[in-house]
Amino acid sequence: MRALLFLWVLFSLIAAAMAYLITFEEYRRHLPDRRRAISESVRTAAVTLLFFLMVGAVLSPFLARLAR
């Protein structure tokens, strides 16, 4: 169970980092203000991180039961 939670956190962090990079690259092209592009990208990364952590918290017990 602990390994499964570790993997959820690890992949959630990777997903948040990728969401930040993708969003920042797009906003950097379309927004003249770099600070706004960074803040929007951080917001997107935070939402992505929270989403995947919540999904992991909900699904981990079910997946642990299936793995037994």
PDB file of N, CA and C in Angstrom:
ATOM      1  N   MET A   1       0.828  -1.193   0.000  1.00  0.00           N
ATOM      2  CA  MET A   1       0.000   0.000   0.000  1.00  0.00           C
ATOM      3  C   MET A   1       0.875   1.261   0.000  1.00  0.00           C
ATOM      4  N   ARG A   2       1.960   1.247   0.775  1.00  0.00           N
ATOM      5  CA  ARG A   2       2.826   2.413   0.839  1.00  0.00           C
ATOM      6  C   ARG A   2       3.508   2.665  -0.500  1.00  0.00           C
ATOM      7  N   ALA A   3       3.898   1.580  -1.172  1.00  0.00           N
ATOM      8  CA  ALA A   3       4.539   1.736  -2.478  1.00  0.00           C
ATOM      9  C   ALA A   3       3.564   2.334  -3.481  1.00  0.00           C
ATOM     10  N   LEU A   4       2.324   1.913  -3.405  1.00  0.00           N
ATOM     11  CA  LEU A   4       1.303   2.452  -4.305  1.00  0.00           C
ATOM     12  C   LEU A   4       1.086   3.943  -4.057  1.00  0.00           C
ATOM     13  N   LEU A   5       1.032   4.344  -2.805  1.00  0.00           N
ATOM     14  CA  LEU A   5       0.880   5.763  -2.485  1.00  0.00           C
ATOM     15  C   LEU A   5       2.100   6.565  -2.926  1.00  0.00           C
ATOM     16  N   PHE A   6       3.281   5.988  -2.757  1.00  0.00           N
ATOM     17  CA  PHE A   6       4.492   6.652  -3.217  1.00  0.00           C
ATOM     18  C   PHE A   6       4.449   6.884  -4.719  1.00  0.00           C
ATOM     19  N   LEU A   7       4.004   5.873  -5.457  1.00  0.00           N
ATOM     20  CA  LEU A   7       3.912   6.024  -6.913  1.00  0.00           C
ATOM     21  C   LEU A   7       2.882   7.077  -7.299  1.00  0.00           C
ATOM     22  N   TRP A   8       1.748   7.140  -6.602  1.00  0.00           N
ATOM     23  CA  TRP A   8       0.743   8.164  -6.893  1.00  0.00           C
ATOM     24  C   TRP A   8       1.310   9.550  -6.690  1.00  0.00           C
ATOM     25  N   VAL A   9       2.044   9.745  -5.589  1.00  0.00           N
ATOM     26  CA  VAL A   9       2.624  11.059  -5.314  1.00  0.00           C
ATOM     27  C   VAL A   9       3.684  11.394  -6.357  1.00  0.00           C
ATOM     28  N   LEU A  10       4.522  10.430  -6.668  1.00  0.00           N
ATOM     29  CA  LEU A  10       5.581  10.656  -7.655  1.00  0.00           C
ATOM     30  C   LEU A  10       4.998  11.037  -9.013  1.00  0.00           C
ATOM     31  N   PHE A  11       4.046  10.271  -9.485  1.00  0.00           N
ATOM     32  CA  PHE A  11       3.468  10.564 -10.793  1.00  0.00           C
ATOM     33  C   PHE A  11       2.602  11.820 -10.777  1.00  0.00           C
ATOM     34  N   SER A  12       2.028  12.153  -9.634  1.00  0.00           N
ATOM     35  CA  SER A  12       1.290  13.415  -9.518  1.00  0.00           C
ATOM     36  C   SER A  12       2.232  14.601  -9.642  1.00  0.00           C
ATOM     37  N   LEU A  13       3.398  14.495  -9.029  1.00  0.00           N
ATOM     38  CA  LEU A  13       4.388  15.564  -9.143  1.00  0.00           C
ATOM     39  C   LEU A  13       4.897  15.704 -10.573  1.00  0.00           C
ATOM     40  N   ILE A  14       5.107  14.584 -11.230  1.00  0.00           N
ATOM     41  CA  ILE A  14       5.547  14.629 -12.628  1.00  0.00           C
ATOM     42  C   ILE A  14       4.466  15.257 -13.501  1.00  0.00           C
ATOM     43  N   ALA A  15       3.208  14.888 -13.269  1.00  0.00           N
ATOM     44  CA  ALA A  15       2.105  15.461 -14.046  1.00  0.00           C
ATOM     45  C   ALA A  15       1.995  16.964 -13.820  1.00  0.00           C
ATOM     46  N   ALA A  16       2.189  17.398 -12.587  1.00  0.00           N
ATOM     47  CA  ALA A  16       2.126  18.838 -12.284  1.00  0.00           C
ATOM     48  C   ALA A  16       3.273  19.580 -12.960  1.00  0.00           C
ATOM     49  N   ALA A  17       4.459  18.992 -12.937  1.00  0.00           N
ATOM     50  CA  ALA A  17       5.599  19.639 -13.593  1.00  0.00           C
ATOM     51  C   ALA A  17       5.383  19.750 -15.099  1.00  0.00           C
ATOM     52  N   MET A  18       4.855  18.717 -15.696  1.00  0.00           N
ATOM     53  CA  MET A  18       4.594  18.751 -17.129  1.00  0.00           C
ATOM     54  C   MET A  18       3.484  19.747 -17.460  1.00  0.00           C
ATOM     55  N   ALA A  19       2.462  19.816 -16.619  1.00  0.00           N
ATOM     56  CA  ALA A  19       1.393  20.792 -16.836  1.00  0.00           C
ATOM     57  C   ALA A  19       1.948  22.203 -16.755  1.00  0.00           C
ATOM     58  N   TYR A  20       2.851  22.433 -15.811  1.00  0.00           N
ATOM     59  CA  TYR A  20       3.475  23.752 -15.698  1.00  0.00           C
ATOM     60  C   TYR A  20       4.254  24.087 -16.964  1.00  0.00           C
ATOM     61  N   LEU A  21       5.089  23.169 -17.406  1.00  0.00           N
ATOM     62  CA  LEU A  21       5.926  23.435 -18.576  1.00  0.00           C
ATOM     63  C   LEU A  21       5.104  23.681 -19.835  1.00  0.00           C
ATOM     64  N   ILE A  22       4.098  22.878 -20.039  1.00  0.00           N
ATOM     65  CA  ILE A  22       3.256  23.027 -21.233  1.00  0.00           C
ATOM     66  C   ILE A  22       2.481  24.347 -21.176  1.00  0.00           C
ATOM     67  N   THR A  23       1.882  24.636 -20.029  1.00  0.00           N
ATOM     68  CA  THR A  23       1.099  25.856 -19.897  1.00  0.00           C
ATOM     69  C   THR A  23       1.974  27.094 -20.001  1.00  0.00           C
ATOM     70  N   PHE A  24       3.139  27.059 -19.368  1.00  0.00           N
ATOM     71  CA  PHE A  24       4.032  28.215 -19.432  1.00  0.00           C
ATOM     72  C   PHE A  24       4.470  28.485 -20.862  1.00  0.00           C
ATOM     73  N   GLU A  25       4.796  27.444 -21.590  1.00  0.00           N
ATOM     74  CA  GLU A  25       5.234  27.627 -22.980  1.00  0.00           C
ATOM     75  C   GLU A  25       4.127  28.258 -23.826  1.00  0.00           C
ATOM     76  N   GLU A  26       2.900  27.819 -23.628  1.00  0.00           N
ATOM     77  CA  GLU A  26       1.790  28.387 -24.394  1.00  0.00           C
ATOM     78  C   GLU A  26       1.484  29.821 -23.987  1.00  0.00           C
ATOM     79  N   TYR A  27       1.429  30.076 -22.676  1.00  0.00           N
ATOM     80  CA  TYR A  27       1.143  31.431 -22.217  1.00  0.00           C
ATOM     81  C   TYR A  27       2.266  32.394 -22.569  1.00  0.00           C
ATOM     82  N   ARG A  28       3.502  31.919 -22.568  1.00  0.00           N
ATOM     83  CA  ARG A  28       4.636  32.776 -22.912  1.00  0.00           C
ATOM     84  C   ARG A  28       4.519  33.283 -24.347  1.00  0.00           C
ATOM     85  N   ARG A  29       3.971  32.459 -25.203  1.00  0.00           N
ATOM     86  CA  ARG A  29       3.787  32.874 -26.599  1.00  0.00           C
ATOM     87  C   ARG A  29       2.664  33.883 -26.761  1.00  0.00           C
ATOM     88  N   HIS A  30       1.632  33.764 -25.942  1.00  0.00           N
ATOM     89  CA  HIS A  30       0.426  34.566 -26.152  1.00  0.00           C
ATOM     90  C   HIS A  30       0.270  35.750 -25.207  1.00  0.00           C
ATOM     91  N   LEU A  31       0.975  35.745 -24.082  1.00  0.00           N
ATOM     92  CA  LEU A  31       0.854  36.836 -23.125  1.00  0.00           C
ATOM     93  C   LEU A  31       2.146  37.643 -23.097  1.00  0.00           C
ATOM     94  N   PRO A  32       2.045  38.953 -23.188  1.00  0.00           N
ATOM     95  CA  PRO A  32       3.275  39.770 -23.149  1.00  0.00           C
ATOM     96  C   PRO A  32       3.890  39.845 -21.748  1.00  0.00           C
ATOM     97  N   ASP A  33       3.082  39.700 -20.704  1.00  0.00           N
ATOM     98  CA  ASP A  33       3.565  39.807 -19.330  1.00  0.00           C
ATOM     99  C   ASP A  33       4.049  38.449 -18.827  1.00  0.00           C
ATOM    100  N   ARG A  34       5.341  38.343 -18.559  1.00  0.00           N
ATOM    101  CA  ARG A  34       5.940  37.074 -18.132  1.00  0.00           C
ATOM    102  C   ARG A  34       5.441  36.657 -16.743  1.00  0.00           C
ATOM    103  N   ARG A  35       5.222  37.634 -15.852  1.00  0.00           N
ATOM    104  CA  ARG A  35       4.747  37.307 -14.507  1.00  0.00           C
ATOM    105  C   ARG A  35       3.368  36.665 -14.540  1.00  0.00           C
ATOM    106  N   ARG A  36       2.516  37.149 -15.407  1.00  0.00           N
ATOM    107  CA  ARG A  36       1.176  36.558 -15.514  1.00  0.00           C
ATOM    108  C   ARG A  36       1.251  35.149 -16.079  1.00  0.00           C
ATOM    109  N   ALA A  37       2.137  34.936 -17.040  1.00  0.00           N
ATOM    110  CA  ALA A  37       2.312  33.597 -17.603  1.00  0.00           C
ATOM    111  C   ALA A  37       2.788  32.625 -16.531  1.00  0.00           C
ATOM    112  N   ILE A  38       3.701  33.084 -15.685  1.00  0.00           N
ATOM    113  CA  ILE A  38       4.202  32.219 -14.605  1.00  0.00           C
ATOM    114  C   ILE A  38       3.094  31.925 -13.596  1.00  0.00           C
ATOM    115  N   SER A  39       2.337  32.948 -13.207  1.00  0.00           N
ATOM    116  CA  SER A  39       1.293  32.722 -12.204  1.00  0.00           C
ATOM    117  C   SER A  39       0.190  31.810 -12.730  1.00  0.00           C
ATOM    118  N   GLU A  40      -0.190  31.964 -13.978  1.00  0.00           N
ATOM    119  CA  GLU A  40      -1.199  31.078 -14.559  1.00  0.00           C
ATOM    120  C   GLU A  40      -0.674  29.641 -14.661  1.00  0.00           C
ATOM    121  N   SER A  41       0.592  29.501 -14.973  1.00  0.00           N
ATOM    122  CA  SER A  41       1.191  28.177 -15.083  1.00  0.00           C
ATOM    123  C   SER A  41       1.284  27.495 -13.724  1.00  0.00           C
ATOM    124  N   VAL A  42       1.625  28.269 -12.699  1.00  0.00           N
ATOM    125  CA  VAL A  42       1.685  27.704 -11.347  1.00  0.00           C
ATOM    126  C   VAL A  42       0.296  27.287 -10.896  1.00  0.00           C
ATOM    127  N   ARG A  43      -0.697  28.086 -11.207  1.00  0.00           N
ATOM    128  CA  ARG A  43      -2.079  27.728 -10.853  1.00  0.00           C
ATOM    129  C   ARG A  43      -2.503  26.437 -11.545  1.00  0.00           C
ATOM    130  N   THR A  44      -2.177  26.303 -12.811  1.00  0.00           N
ATOM    131  CA  THR A  44      -2.514  25.083 -13.542  1.00  0.00           C
ATOM    132  C   THR A  44      -1.793  23.875 -12.958  1.00  0.00           C
ATOM    133  N   ALA A  45      -0.533  24.046 -12.604  1.00  0.00           N
ATOM    134  CA  ALA A  45       0.229  22.943 -12.008  1.00  0.00           C
ATOM    135  C   ALA A  45      -0.360  22.539 -10.655  1.00  0.00           C
ATOM    136  N   ALA A  46      -0.793  23.517  -9.864  1.00  0.00           N
ATOM    137  CA  ALA A  46      -1.381  23.213  -8.562  1.00  0.00           C
ATOM    138  C   ALA A  46      -2.691  22.451  -8.701  1.00  0.00           C
ATOM    139  N   VAL A  47      -3.516  22.869  -9.634  1.00  0.00           N
ATOM    140  CA  VAL A  47      -4.783  22.169  -9.865  1.00  0.00           C
ATOM    141  C   VAL A  47      -4.517  20.747 -10.352  1.00  0.00           C
ATOM    142  N   THR A  48      -3.558  20.586 -11.236  1.00  0.00           N
ATOM    143  CA  THR A  48      -3.212  19.260 -11.731  1.00  0.00           C
ATOM    144  C   THR A  48      -2.707  18.376 -10.598  1.00  0.00           C
ATOM    145  N   LEU A  49      -1.848  18.919  -9.749  1.00  0.00           N
ATOM    146  CA  LEU A  49      -1.324  18.157  -8.622  1.00  0.00           C
ATOM    147  C   LEU A  49      -2.447  17.732  -7.687  1.00  0.00           C
ATOM    148  N   LEU A  50      -3.313  18.658  -7.331  1.00  0.00           N
ATOM    149  CA  LEU A  50      -4.428  18.328  -6.434  1.00  0.00           C
ATOM    150  C   LEU A  50      -5.364  17.292  -7.049  1.00  0.00           C
ATOM    151  N   PHE A  51      -5.637  17.416  -8.339  1.00  0.00           N
ATOM    152  CA  PHE A  51      -6.519  16.465  -8.998  1.00  0.00           C
ATOM    153  C   PHE A  51      -5.949  15.054  -8.931  1.00  0.00           C
ATOM    154  N   PHE A  52      -4.681  14.907  -9.314  1.00  0.00           N
ATOM    155  CA  PHE A  52      -4.106  13.568  -9.333  1.00  0.00           C
ATOM    156  C   PHE A  52      -3.897  13.010  -7.930  1.00  0.00           C
ATOM    157  N   LEU A  53      -3.612  13.858  -6.948  1.00  0.00           N
ATOM    158  CA  LEU A  53      -3.506  13.371  -5.575  1.00  0.00           C
ATOM    159  C   LEU A  53      -4.854  12.900  -5.049  1.00  0.00           C
ATOM    160  N   MET A  54      -5.929  13.619  -5.386  1.00  0.00           N
ATOM    161  CA  MET A  54      -7.259  13.192  -4.948  1.00  0.00           C
ATOM    162  C   MET A  54      -7.664  11.890  -5.626  1.00  0.00           C
ATOM    163  N   VAL A  55      -7.394  11.781  -6.909  1.00  0.00           N
ATOM    164  CA  VAL A  55      -7.706  10.531  -7.610  1.00  0.00           C
ATOM    165  C   VAL A  55      -6.920   9.381  -7.001  1.00  0.00           C
ATOM    166  N   GLY A  56      -5.657   9.625  -6.689  1.00  0.00           N
ATOM    167  CA  GLY A  56      -4.838   8.593  -6.065  1.00  0.00           C
ATOM    168  C   GLY A  56      -5.342   8.207  -4.693  1.00  0.00           C
ATOM    169  N   ALA A  57      -5.778   9.186  -3.914  1.00  0.00           N
ATOM    170  CA  ALA A  57      -6.297   8.900  -2.576  1.00  0.00           C
ATOM    171  C   ALA A  57      -7.581   8.083  -2.643  1.00  0.00           C
ATOM    172  N   VAL A  58      -8.381   8.330  -3.647  1.00  0.00           N
ATOM    173  CA  VAL A  58      -9.640   7.594  -3.786  1.00  0.00           C
ATOM    174  C   VAL A  58      -9.401   6.181  -4.333  1.00  0.00           C
ATOM    175  N   LEU A  59      -8.513   6.070  -5.300  1.00  0.00           N
ATOM    176  CA  LEU A  59      -8.318   4.779  -5.957  1.00  0.00           C
ATOM    177  C   LEU A  59      -7.335   3.844  -5.257  1.00  0.00           C
ATOM    178  N   SER A  60      -6.451   4.349  -4.430  1.00  0.00           N
ATOM    179  CA  SER A  60      -5.440   3.498  -3.791  1.00  0.00           C
ATOM    180  C   SER A  60      -6.016   2.355  -2.981  1.00  0.00           C
ATOM    181  N   PRO A  61      -7.021   2.569  -2.136  1.00  0.00           N
ATOM    182  CA  PRO A  61      -7.565   1.433  -1.394  1.00  0.00           C
ATOM    183  C   PRO A  61      -8.160   0.351  -2.305  1.00  0.00           C
ATOM    184  N   PHE A  62      -8.806   0.780  -3.367  1.00  0.00           N
ATOM    185  CA  PHE A  62      -9.396  -0.199  -4.290  1.00  0.00           C
ATOM    186  C   PHE A  62      -8.324  -0.981  -5.027  1.00  0.00           C
ATOM    187  N   LEU A  63      -7.282  -0.300  -5.459  1.00  0.00           N
ATOM    188  CA  LEU A  63      -6.201  -0.982  -6.159  1.00  0.00           C
ATOM    189  C   LEU A  63      -5.402  -1.882  -5.232  1.00  0.00           C
ATOM    190  N   ALA A  64      -5.275  -1.503  -3.968  1.00  0.00           N
ATOM    191  CA  ALA A  64      -4.582  -2.363  -2.997  1.00  0.00           C
ATOM    192  C   ALA A  64      -5.354  -3.651  -2.772  1.00  0.00           C
ATOM    193  N   ARG A  65      -6.675  -3.562  -2.743  1.00  0.00           N
ATOM    194  CA  ARG A  65      -7.498  -4.776  -2.591  1.00  0.00           C
ATOM    195  C   ARG A  65      -7.396  -5.673  -3.812  1.00  0.00           C
ATOM    196  N   LEU A  66      -7.327  -5.074  -4.976  1.00  0.00           N
ATOM    197  CA  LEU A  66      -7.199  -5.877  -6.200  1.00  0.00           C
ATOM    198  C   LEU A  66      -5.853  -6.570  -6.293  1.00  0.00           C
ATOM    199  N   ALA A  67      -4.824  -5.958  -5.725  1.00  0.00           N
ATOM    200  CA  ALA A  67      -3.473  -6.519  -5.815  1.00  0.00           C
ATOM    201  C   ALA A  67      -3.279  -7.705  -4.881  1.00  0.00           C
ATOM    202  N   ARG A  68      -4.143  -7.892  -3.911  1.00  0.00           N
ATOM    203  CA  ARG A  68      -3.986  -9.017  -2.957  1.00  0.00           C
ATOM    204  C   ARG A  68      -4.302 -10.325  -3.555  1.00  0.00           C
TER     205      ARG A  68
END
